[in-house]
C-alpha atoms as a PDB file:
ATOM      1  CA  MET A   1     -44.696  -0.810  29.403  1.00  0.00           C
ATOM      2  CA  SER A   2     -45.154  -0.385  33.352  1.00  0.00           C
ATOM      3  CA  PRO A   3     -41.988  -0.496  35.221  1.00  0.00           C
ATOM      4  CA  VAL A   4     -41.279  -3.406  37.169  1.00  0.00           C
ATOM      5  CA  ASP A   5     -40.234  -3.388  40.839  1.00  0.00           C
ATOM      6  CA  ILE A   6     -36.660  -4.992  41.166  1.00  0.00           C
ATOM      7  CA  ALA A   7     -37.296  -7.237  44.128  1.00  0.00           C
ATOM      8  CA  GLY A   8     -37.659 -10.906  45.037  1.00  0.00           C
ATOM      9  CA  GLY A   9     -36.956 -13.327  42.181  1.00  0.00           C
ATOM     10  CA  VAL A  10     -37.000 -10.644  39.377  1.00  0.00           C
ATOM     11  CA  GLN A  11     -34.377 -11.600  36.786  1.00  0.00           C
ATOM     12  CA  LEU A  12     -33.321  -8.727  34.579  1.00  0.00           C
ATOM     13  CA  PRO A  13     -31.786  -9.231  30.981  1.00  0.00           C
ATOM     14  CA  ALA A  14     -28.068 -10.746  30.754  1.00  0.00           C
ATOM     15  CA  ARG A  15     -26.209 -13.359  28.665  1.00  0.00           C
ATOM     16  CA  ARG A  16     -26.497 -16.520  30.802  1.00  0.00           C
ATOM     17  CA  GLN A  17     -24.728 -19.633  30.251  1.00  0.00           C
ATOM     18  CA  ASP A  18     -24.245 -22.957  32.171  1.00  0.00           C
ATOM     19  CA  ILE A  19     -20.659 -23.728  32.728  1.00  0.00           C
ATOM     20  CA  GLU A  20     -18.387 -26.382  34.074  1.00  0.00           C
ATOM     21  CA  LEU A  21     -15.267 -25.956  36.136  1.00  0.00           C
ATOM     22  CA  HIS A  22     -12.470 -28.577  36.281  1.00  0.00           C
ATOM     23  CA  THR A  23     -10.233 -28.844  39.337  1.00  0.00           C
ATOM     24  CA  SER A  24      -6.748 -29.972  39.639  1.00  0.00           C
ATOM     25  CA  ASP A  25      -7.926 -32.978  41.639  1.00  0.00           C
ATOM     26  CA  GLY A  26     -10.193 -34.412  38.860  1.00  0.00           C
ATOM     27  CA  LEU A  27     -13.629 -33.093  39.797  1.00  0.00           C
ATOM     28  CA  THR A  28     -16.283 -31.272  37.641  1.00  0.00           C
ATOM     29  CA  LEU A  29     -18.212 -28.399  39.187  1.00  0.00           C
ATOM     30  CA  VAL A  30     -21.339 -27.145  37.802  1.00  0.00           C
ATOM     31  CA  GLY A  31     -22.042 -23.244  37.618  1.00  0.00           C
ATOM     32  CA  GLU A  32     -23.298 -20.345  35.631  1.00  0.00           C
ATOM     33  CA  LEU A  33     -21.857 -17.341  34.177  1.00  0.00           C
ATOM     34  CA  ALA A  34     -24.166 -14.144  33.704  1.00  0.00           C
ATOM     35  CA  LEU A  35     -22.768 -11.319  31.726  1.00  0.00           C
ATOM     36  CA  PRO A  36     -24.074  -7.904  30.693  1.00  0.00           C
ATOM     37  CA  LEU A  37     -26.481  -8.187  27.719  1.00  0.00           C
ATOM     38  CA  GLU A  38     -24.953  -5.788  25.216  1.00  0.00           C
ATOM     39  CA  LYS A  39     -21.720  -4.486  27.025  1.00  0.00           C
ATOM     40  CA  ALA A  40     -18.447  -5.914  28.109  1.00  0.00           C
ATOM     41  CA  PRO A  41     -18.197  -6.280  31.966  1.00  0.00           C
ATOM     42  CA  VAL A  42     -16.226  -3.951  33.723  1.00  0.00           C
ATOM     43  CA  ALA A  43     -15.403  -6.218  36.776  1.00  0.00           C
ATOM     44  CA  THR A  44     -16.387  -9.730  37.800  1.00  0.00           C
ATOM     45  CA  LEU A  45     -17.749 -11.278  40.812  1.00  0.00           C
ATOM     46  CA  VAL A  46     -16.484 -14.712  41.782  1.00  0.00           C
ATOM     47  CA  CYS A  47     -19.346 -16.050  44.303  1.00  0.00           C
ATOM     48  CA  LEU A  48     -18.439 -18.518  46.955  1.00  0.00           C
ATOM     49  CA  HIS A  49     -21.498 -19.824  48.557  1.00  0.00           C
ATOM     50  CA  PRO A  50     -22.611 -20.557  52.342  1.00  0.00           C
ATOM     51  CA  LEU A  51     -21.983 -23.882  54.225  1.00  0.00           C
ATOM     52  CA  PRO A  52     -23.221 -26.930  52.129  1.00  0.00           C
ATOM     53  CA  THR A  53     -24.016 -28.964  55.196  1.00  0.00           C
ATOM     54  CA  HIS A  54     -26.493 -26.367  56.175  1.00  0.00           C
ATOM     55  CA  GLY A  55     -28.175 -25.723  52.922  1.00  0.00           C
ATOM     56  CA  GLY A  56     -25.693 -23.352  51.085  1.00  0.00           C
ATOM     57  CA  PHE A  57     -25.221 -23.620  47.367  1.00  0.00           C
ATOM     58  CA  MET A  58     -24.890 -21.412  44.286  1.00  0.00           C
ATOM     59  CA  ASP A  59     -28.520 -20.276  44.438  1.00  0.00           C
ATOM     60  CA  SER A  60     -28.427 -19.104  48.112  1.00  0.00           C
ATOM     61  CA  HIS A  61     -30.360 -15.930  47.632  1.00  0.00           C
ATOM     62  CA  ILE A  62     -27.962 -13.044  47.750  1.00  0.00           C
ATOM     63  CA  LEU A  63     -25.833 -14.922  45.209  1.00  0.00           C
ATOM     64  CA  ARG A  64     -28.680 -15.505  43.010  1.00  0.00           C
ATOM     65  CA  LYS A  65     -29.981 -12.119  43.098  1.00  0.00           C
ATOM     66  CA  ALA A  66     -26.547 -10.728  42.388  1.00  0.00           C
ATOM     67  CA  ALA A  67     -26.537 -12.587  39.147  1.00  0.00           C
ATOM     68  CA  ALA A  68     -30.121 -11.822  38.370  1.00  0.00           C
ATOM     69  CA  ARG A  69     -29.523  -8.172  38.894  1.00  0.00           C
ATOM     70  CA  LEU A  70     -25.950  -6.932  38.588  1.00  0.00           C
ATOM     71  CA  PRO A  71     -25.080  -7.580  34.954  1.00  0.00           C
ATOM     72  CA  ALA A  72     -27.806  -5.222  34.012  1.00  0.00           C
ATOM     73  CA  LEU A  73     -27.742  -2.835  36.695  1.00  0.00           C
ATOM     74  CA  ALA A  74     -23.838  -2.529  37.120  1.00  0.00           C
ATOM     75  CA  ASP A  75     -22.230  -4.134  34.038  1.00  0.00           C
ATOM     76  CA  LEU A  76     -20.805  -6.712  36.082  1.00  0.00           C
ATOM     77  CA  ALA A  77     -19.947 -10.421  35.222  1.00  0.00           C
ATOM     78  CA  VAL A  78     -21.216 -12.883  37.881  1.00  0.00           C
ATOM     79  CA  LEU A  79     -19.721 -16.467  38.224  1.00  0.00           C
ATOM     80  CA  ARG A  80     -21.755 -18.793  40.516  1.00  0.00           C
ATOM     81  CA  PHE A  81     -20.764 -22.538  40.975  1.00  0.00           C
ATOM     82  CA  ASN A  82     -21.549 -25.330  43.531  1.00  0.00           C
ATOM     83  CA  PHE A  83     -18.548 -26.407  45.733  1.00  0.00           C
ATOM     84  CA  ARG A  84     -17.598 -30.089  45.489  1.00  0.00           C
ATOM     85  CA  GLY A  85     -20.320 -32.454  46.484  1.00  0.00           C
ATOM     86  CA  VAL A  86     -23.248 -29.685  46.373  1.00  0.00           C
ATOM     87  CA  THR A  87     -26.371 -29.943  44.364  1.00  0.00           C
ATOM     88  CA  SER A  88     -28.651 -27.164  43.024  1.00  0.00           C
ATOM     89  CA  PRO A  89     -31.237 -26.964  40.169  1.00  0.00           C
ATOM     90  CA  ARG A  90     -28.146 -26.572  37.905  1.00  0.00           C
ATOM     91  CA  GLY A  91     -26.718 -30.061  38.739  1.00  0.00           C
ATOM     92  CA  THR A  92     -24.313 -31.618  41.102  1.00  0.00           C
ATOM     93  CA  SER A  93     -20.575 -31.065  41.571  1.00  0.00           C
ATOM     94  CA  GLY A  94     -18.333 -33.923  41.892  1.00  0.00           C
ATOM     95  CA  GLY A  95     -16.688 -34.953  44.986  1.00  0.00           C
ATOM     96  CA  ASP A  96     -17.425 -34.511  48.730  1.00  0.00           C
ATOM     97  CA  PHE A  97     -17.431 -31.534  51.133  1.00  0.00           C
ATOM     98  CA  GLY A  98     -13.760 -30.498  51.983  1.00  0.00           C
ATOM     99  CA  HIS A  99     -14.381 -28.586  55.100  1.00  0.00           C
ATOM    100  CA  GLY A 100     -12.794 -25.524  53.493  1.00  0.00           C
ATOM    101  CA  VAL A 101      -9.447 -27.209  52.739  1.00  0.00           C
ATOM    102  CA  GLU A 102     -10.304 -29.264  49.630  1.00  0.00           C
ATOM    103  CA  GLU A 103     -12.472 -26.183  48.272  1.00  0.00           C
ATOM    104  CA  ARG A 104      -9.193 -24.517  47.652  1.00  0.00           C
ATOM    105  CA  HIS A 105      -9.062 -26.580  44.286  1.00  0.00           C
ATOM    106  CA  ASP A 106     -12.534 -25.224  43.500  1.00  0.00           C
ATOM    107  CA  LEU A 107     -11.417 -21.627  43.826  1.00  0.00           C
ATOM    108  CA  ALA A 108      -8.604 -22.202  41.740  1.00  0.00           C
ATOM    109  CA  ALA A 109     -10.772 -23.771  39.048  1.00  0.00           C
ATOM    110  CA  ALA A 110     -13.025 -20.785  39.142  1.00  0.00           C
ATOM    111  CA  MET A 111      -9.971 -18.384  38.973  1.00  0.00           C
ATOM    112  CA  GLU A 112      -8.563 -20.373  35.943  1.00  0.00           C
ATOM    113  CA  PHE A 113     -11.823 -19.943  34.194  1.00  0.00           C
ATOM    114  CA  VAL A 114     -11.911 -16.276  34.743  1.00  0.00           C
ATOM    115  CA  GLN A 115      -8.481 -16.102  33.281  1.00  0.00           C
ATOM    116  CA  GLN A 116      -9.338 -18.251  30.388  1.00  0.00           C
ATOM    117  CA  LEU A 117     -12.247 -15.929  29.491  1.00  0.00           C
ATOM    118  CA  SER A 118     -10.113 -12.851  30.320  1.00  0.00           C
ATOM    119  CA  LEU A 119     -12.970 -11.637  32.652  1.00  0.00           C
ATOM    120  CA  PRO A 120     -11.979  -8.283  34.092  1.00  0.00           C
ATOM    121  CA  ASN A 121     -11.169  -7.116  37.722  1.00  0.00           C
ATOM    122  CA  PRO A 122     -12.300 -10.278  39.541  1.00  0.00           C
ATOM    123  CA  TRP A 123     -13.461  -9.779  43.009  1.00  0.00           C
ATOM    124  CA  LEU A 124     -14.240 -12.771  45.335  1.00  0.00           C
ATOM    125  CA  LEU A 125     -17.587 -12.475  46.979  1.00  0.00           C
ATOM    126  CA  GLY A 126     -17.864 -14.983  49.938  1.00  0.00           C
ATOM    127  CA  TRP A 127     -20.969 -15.656  52.083  1.00  0.00           C
ATOM    128  CA  SER A 128     -20.506 -17.270  55.439  1.00  0.00           C
ATOM    129  CA  PHE A 129     -18.539 -20.582  54.658  1.00  0.00           C
ATOM    130  CA  GLY A 130     -17.610 -18.987  51.283  1.00  0.00           C
ATOM    131  CA  THR A 131     -15.710 -16.256  53.249  1.00  0.00           C
ATOM    132  CA  GLU A 132     -13.518 -18.934  54.959  1.00  0.00           C
ATOM    133  CA  VAL A 133     -12.440 -20.107  51.541  1.00  0.00           C
ATOM    134  CA  VAL A 134     -11.862 -16.483  50.389  1.00  0.00           C
ATOM    135  CA  LEU A 135      -9.507 -15.862  53.541  1.00  0.00           C
ATOM    136  CA  LYS A 136      -7.630 -19.296  53.528  1.00  0.00           C
ATOM    137  CA  TRP A 137      -6.942 -19.251  49.609  1.00  0.00           C
ATOM    138  CA  GLY A 138      -7.839 -15.943  47.919  1.00  0.00           C
ATOM    139  CA  LEU A 139      -4.509 -14.420  48.099  1.00  0.00           C
ATOM    140  CA  GLU A 140      -3.131 -17.245  45.889  1.00  0.00           C
ATOM    141  CA  HIS A 141      -4.636 -15.618  42.954  1.00  0.00           C
ATOM    142  CA  PRO A 142      -4.622 -12.387  41.024  1.00  0.00           C
ATOM    143  CA  ILE A 143      -7.733 -10.684  42.491  1.00  0.00           C
ATOM    144  CA  ALA A 144      -8.993  -7.141  42.493  1.00  0.00           C
ATOM    145  CA  GLY A 145     -10.558  -7.327  45.879  1.00  0.00           C
ATOM    146  CA  ALA A 146     -12.741  -9.480  48.244  1.00  0.00           C
ATOM    147  CA  ILE A 147     -15.987  -9.126  50.007  1.00  0.00           C
ATOM    148  CA  LEU A 148     -17.065 -11.013  52.989  1.00  0.00           C
ATOM    149  CA  LEU A 149     -20.731 -11.302  53.842  1.00  0.00           C
ATOM    150  CA  SER A 150     -21.310 -12.541  57.380  1.00  0.00           C
ATOM    151  CA  PRO A 151     -17.894 -14.062  58.074  1.00  0.00           C
ATOM    152  CA  PRO A 152     -17.870 -16.563  61.036  1.00  0.00           C
ATOM    153  CA  LEU A 153     -14.181 -16.876  61.136  1.00  0.00           C
ATOM    154  CA  HIS A 154     -14.563 -20.448  62.210  1.00  0.00           C
ATOM    155  CA  ARG A 155     -12.101 -22.122  59.814  1.00  0.00           C
ATOM    156  CA  ALA A 156      -9.745 -19.194  58.856  1.00  0.00           C
ATOM    157  CA  ALA A 157      -6.664 -19.126  61.192  1.00  0.00           C
ATOM    158  CA  GLU A 158      -5.471 -15.814  62.570  1.00  0.00           C
ATOM    159  CA  ALA A 159      -2.413 -16.161  60.628  1.00  0.00           C
ATOM    160  CA  GLU A 160      -4.374 -16.608  57.395  1.00  0.00           C
ATOM    161  CA  LEU A 161      -6.410 -13.570  58.190  1.00  0.00           C
ATOM    162  CA  ALA A 162      -3.174 -11.436  58.984  1.00  0.00           C
ATOM    163  CA  ALA A 163      -1.844 -12.331  55.724  1.00  0.00           C
ATOM    164  CA  TRP A 164      -4.329  -9.868  54.169  1.00  0.00           C
ATOM    165  CA  ALA A 165      -2.581  -7.062  55.988  1.00  0.00           C
ATOM    166  CA  GLY A 166      -0.409  -5.069  53.696  1.00  0.00           C
ATOM    167  CA  SER A 167      -1.313  -7.306  50.772  1.00  0.00           C
ATOM    168  CA  GLY A 168      -2.612  -4.307  48.704  1.00  0.00           C
ATOM    169  CA  ILE A 169      -5.860  -6.307  48.105  1.00  0.00           C
ATOM    170  CA  PRO A 170      -8.917  -4.592  49.511  1.00  0.00           C
ATOM    171  CA  LEU A 171     -10.861  -6.482  51.987  1.00  0.00           C
ATOM    172  CA  VAL A 172     -14.397  -5.597  52.944  1.00  0.00           C
ATOM    173  CA  ALA A 173     -16.440  -7.542  55.544  1.00  0.00           C
ATOM    174  CA  MET A 174     -20.062  -6.884  55.883  1.00  0.00           C
ATOM    175  CA  ILE A 175     -21.214  -7.727  59.536  1.00  0.00           C
ATOM    176  CA  PRO A 176     -24.743  -8.049  60.441  1.00  0.00           C
ATOM    177  CA  GLU A 177     -25.839  -6.448  63.655  1.00  0.00           C
ATOM    178  CA  PHE A 178     -27.630  -9.621  64.775  1.00  0.00           C
ATOM    179  CA  ASP A 179     -25.233 -12.251  63.373  1.00  0.00           C
ATOM    180  CA  ASP A 180     -25.393 -15.865  64.742  1.00  0.00           C
ATOM    181  CA  TYR A 181     -21.617 -16.156  64.840  1.00  0.00           C
ATOM    182  CA  LEU A 182     -19.701 -12.848  64.624  1.00  0.00           C
ATOM    183  CA  ARG A 183     -21.271  -9.454  65.488  1.00  0.00           C
ATOM    184  CA  PRO A 184     -19.633  -6.196  64.893  1.00  0.00           C
ATOM    185  CA  ALA A 185     -17.855  -5.356  67.906  1.00  0.00           C
ATOM    186  CA  GLU A 186     -16.193  -8.814  67.982  1.00  0.00           C
ATOM    187  CA  ALA A 187     -15.497  -8.417  64.228  1.00  0.00           C
ATOM    188  CA  ARG A 188     -13.572  -5.312  64.802  1.00  0.00           C
ATOM    189  CA  GLU A 189     -11.351  -7.110  67.184  1.00  0.00           C
ATOM    190  CA  ARG A 190     -10.717 -10.161  65.027  1.00  0.00           C
ATOM    191  CA  PHE A 191     -10.250  -7.984  62.008  1.00  0.00           C
ATOM    192  CA  ALA A 192      -7.719  -5.823  64.038  1.00  0.00           C
ATOM    193  CA  VAL A 193      -5.006  -7.890  62.475  1.00  0.00           C
ATOM    194  CA  VAL A 194      -5.773  -6.241  59.077  1.00  0.00           C
ATOM    195  CA  PRO A 195      -5.801  -2.696  59.979  1.00  0.00           C
ATOM    196  CA  ASP A 196      -7.052  -1.594  56.348  1.00  0.00           C
ATOM    197  CA  ALA A 197      -9.900  -3.832  56.287  1.00  0.00           C
ATOM    198  CA  ASP A 198     -13.105  -1.997  55.696  1.00  0.00           C
ATOM    199  CA  ILE A 199     -15.668  -3.277  58.351  1.00  0.00           C
ATOM    200  CA  VAL A 200     -19.198  -2.523  57.536  1.00  0.00           C
ATOM    201  CA  ALA A 201     -21.672  -2.993  60.322  1.00  0.00           C
ATOM    202  CA  VAL A 202     -25.255  -3.280  59.065  1.00  0.00           C
ATOM    203  CA  GLU A 203     -28.026  -2.240  61.586  1.00  0.00           C
ATOM    204  CA  GLY A 204     -30.712  -4.752  62.053  1.00  0.00           C
ATOM    205  CA  ALA A 205     -29.258  -7.445  59.442  1.00  0.00           C
ATOM    206  CA  LYS A 206     -29.134 -11.064  60.428  1.00  0.00           C
ATOM    207  CA  HIS A 207     -26.584 -13.788  59.040  1.00  0.00           C
ATOM    208  CA  LEU A 208     -28.982 -14.608  56.222  1.00  0.00           C
ATOM    209  CA  TRP A 209     -29.683 -11.117  55.040  1.00  0.00           C
ATOM    210  CA  VAL A 210     -33.299 -11.894  54.782  1.00  0.00           C
ATOM    211  CA  GLY A 211     -35.600  -9.195  53.281  1.00  0.00           C
ATOM    212  CA  GLU A 212     -35.373  -6.866  50.206  1.00  0.00           C
ATOM    213  CA  LYS A 213     -34.011  -4.012  52.431  1.00  0.00           C
ATOM    214  CA  TYR A 214     -30.877  -6.078  53.064  1.00  0.00           C
ATOM    215  CA  THR A 215     -30.426  -7.462  49.683  1.00  0.00           C
ATOM    216  CA  ARG A 216     -30.408  -3.969  48.212  1.00  0.00           C
ATOM    217  CA  ARG A 217     -27.947  -2.859  51.023  1.00  0.00           C
ATOM    218  CA  VAL A 218     -25.626  -5.776  50.208  1.00  0.00           C
ATOM    219  CA  LEU A 219     -25.776  -5.308  46.377  1.00  0.00           C
ATOM    220  CA  SER A 220     -25.149  -1.520  46.830  1.00  0.00           C
ATOM    221  CA  GLU A 221     -22.167  -2.074  49.059  1.00  0.00           C
ATOM    222  CA  ILE A 222     -20.722  -4.499  46.417  1.00  0.00           C
ATOM    223  CA  VAL A 223     -21.227  -2.094  43.582  1.00  0.00           C
ATOM    224  CA  GLU A 224     -19.744   0.714  45.538  1.00  0.00           C
ATOM    225  CA  ARG A 225     -16.322  -1.196  45.566  1.00  0.00           C
ATOM    226  CA  VAL A 226     -16.540  -2.976  42.299  1.00  0.00           C
ATOM    227  CA  ASN A 227     -18.187  -0.279  40.038  1.00  0.00           C
ATOM    228  CA  PRO A 228     -19.165   2.809  41.950  1.00  0.00           C
ATOM    229  CA  ALA A 229     -20.208   4.835  38.762  1.00  0.00           C
ATOM    230  CA  ALA A 230     -23.310   2.464  38.492  1.00  0.00           C
ATOM    231  CA  LEU A 231     -24.633   3.854  41.929  1.00  0.00           C
ATOM    232  CA  PRO A 232     -27.246   4.434  43.050  1.00  0.00           C
ATOM    233  CA  LEU A 233     -28.900   1.134  41.960  1.00  0.00           C
ATOM    234  CA  PRO A 234     -32.444   1.644  40.591  1.00  0.00           C
ATOM    235  CA  THR A 235     -35.261  -0.106  42.377  1.00  0.00           C
ATOM    236  CA  GLU A 236     -37.433  -0.330  39.172  1.00  0.00           C
ATOM    237  CA  TRP A 237     -36.742  -1.676  35.715  1.00  0.00           C
ATOM    238  CA  ASN A 238     -38.261  -0.159  32.597  1.00  0.00           C
ATOM    239  CA  GLY A 239     -37.238  -2.463  30.032  1.00  0.00           C
ATOM    240  CA  SER A 240     -38.072  -5.824  28.834  1.00  0.00           C
ATOM    241  CA  LEU A 241     -37.408  -8.727  31.119  1.00  0.00           C
ATOM    242  CA  ALA A 242     -37.202 -11.254  28.037  1.00  0.00           C
END
């Protein structure tokens, strides 16, 4: 069997199941859990997607590729779901867009699911709008850390950001050089209220992380924090894709 390049939409083997989350305000959210095929996961990514009103959903490409690759490559569980009111091929979550406020209940439902299944070492992985939900509400939950992709810092107040200082929870922010909303120099100023935050400036990248080069960079940075023993991530797959 010839090796397959791990790129684009390649989906590596995993145990995948459609799941539902149930919020405290009575909504049902749709999602997917991907687990390593033959091992117990060593850690868990809880993925919070970009802005629904600008096309963000659980299949936004970095999150979809994390679910497609990281259970096999890094022994991670990957939980993705649609925020309230959001539609994807998986289905539509109940409710309406909550502007980062009502999504507090969505995150809580996801974390309750993680606890019910005893999924280990949960890290929050937010992208764009998802980072606002992480920063506003993430500290309400027992998490191992948080990773922010392209944080715009539009909705999270300075006090909410400052609350992460001294929390003991690792906070990593990946900032594209050419981001539409927050670029590295300004990010360092805004995140100064969290002196122990890990600010990663990514040369050449844009807000949407388009291109396999940037997908691999993002996934490698995630794995470096969550399961560094799995690095370096391979770029070819020698096994079955079935």
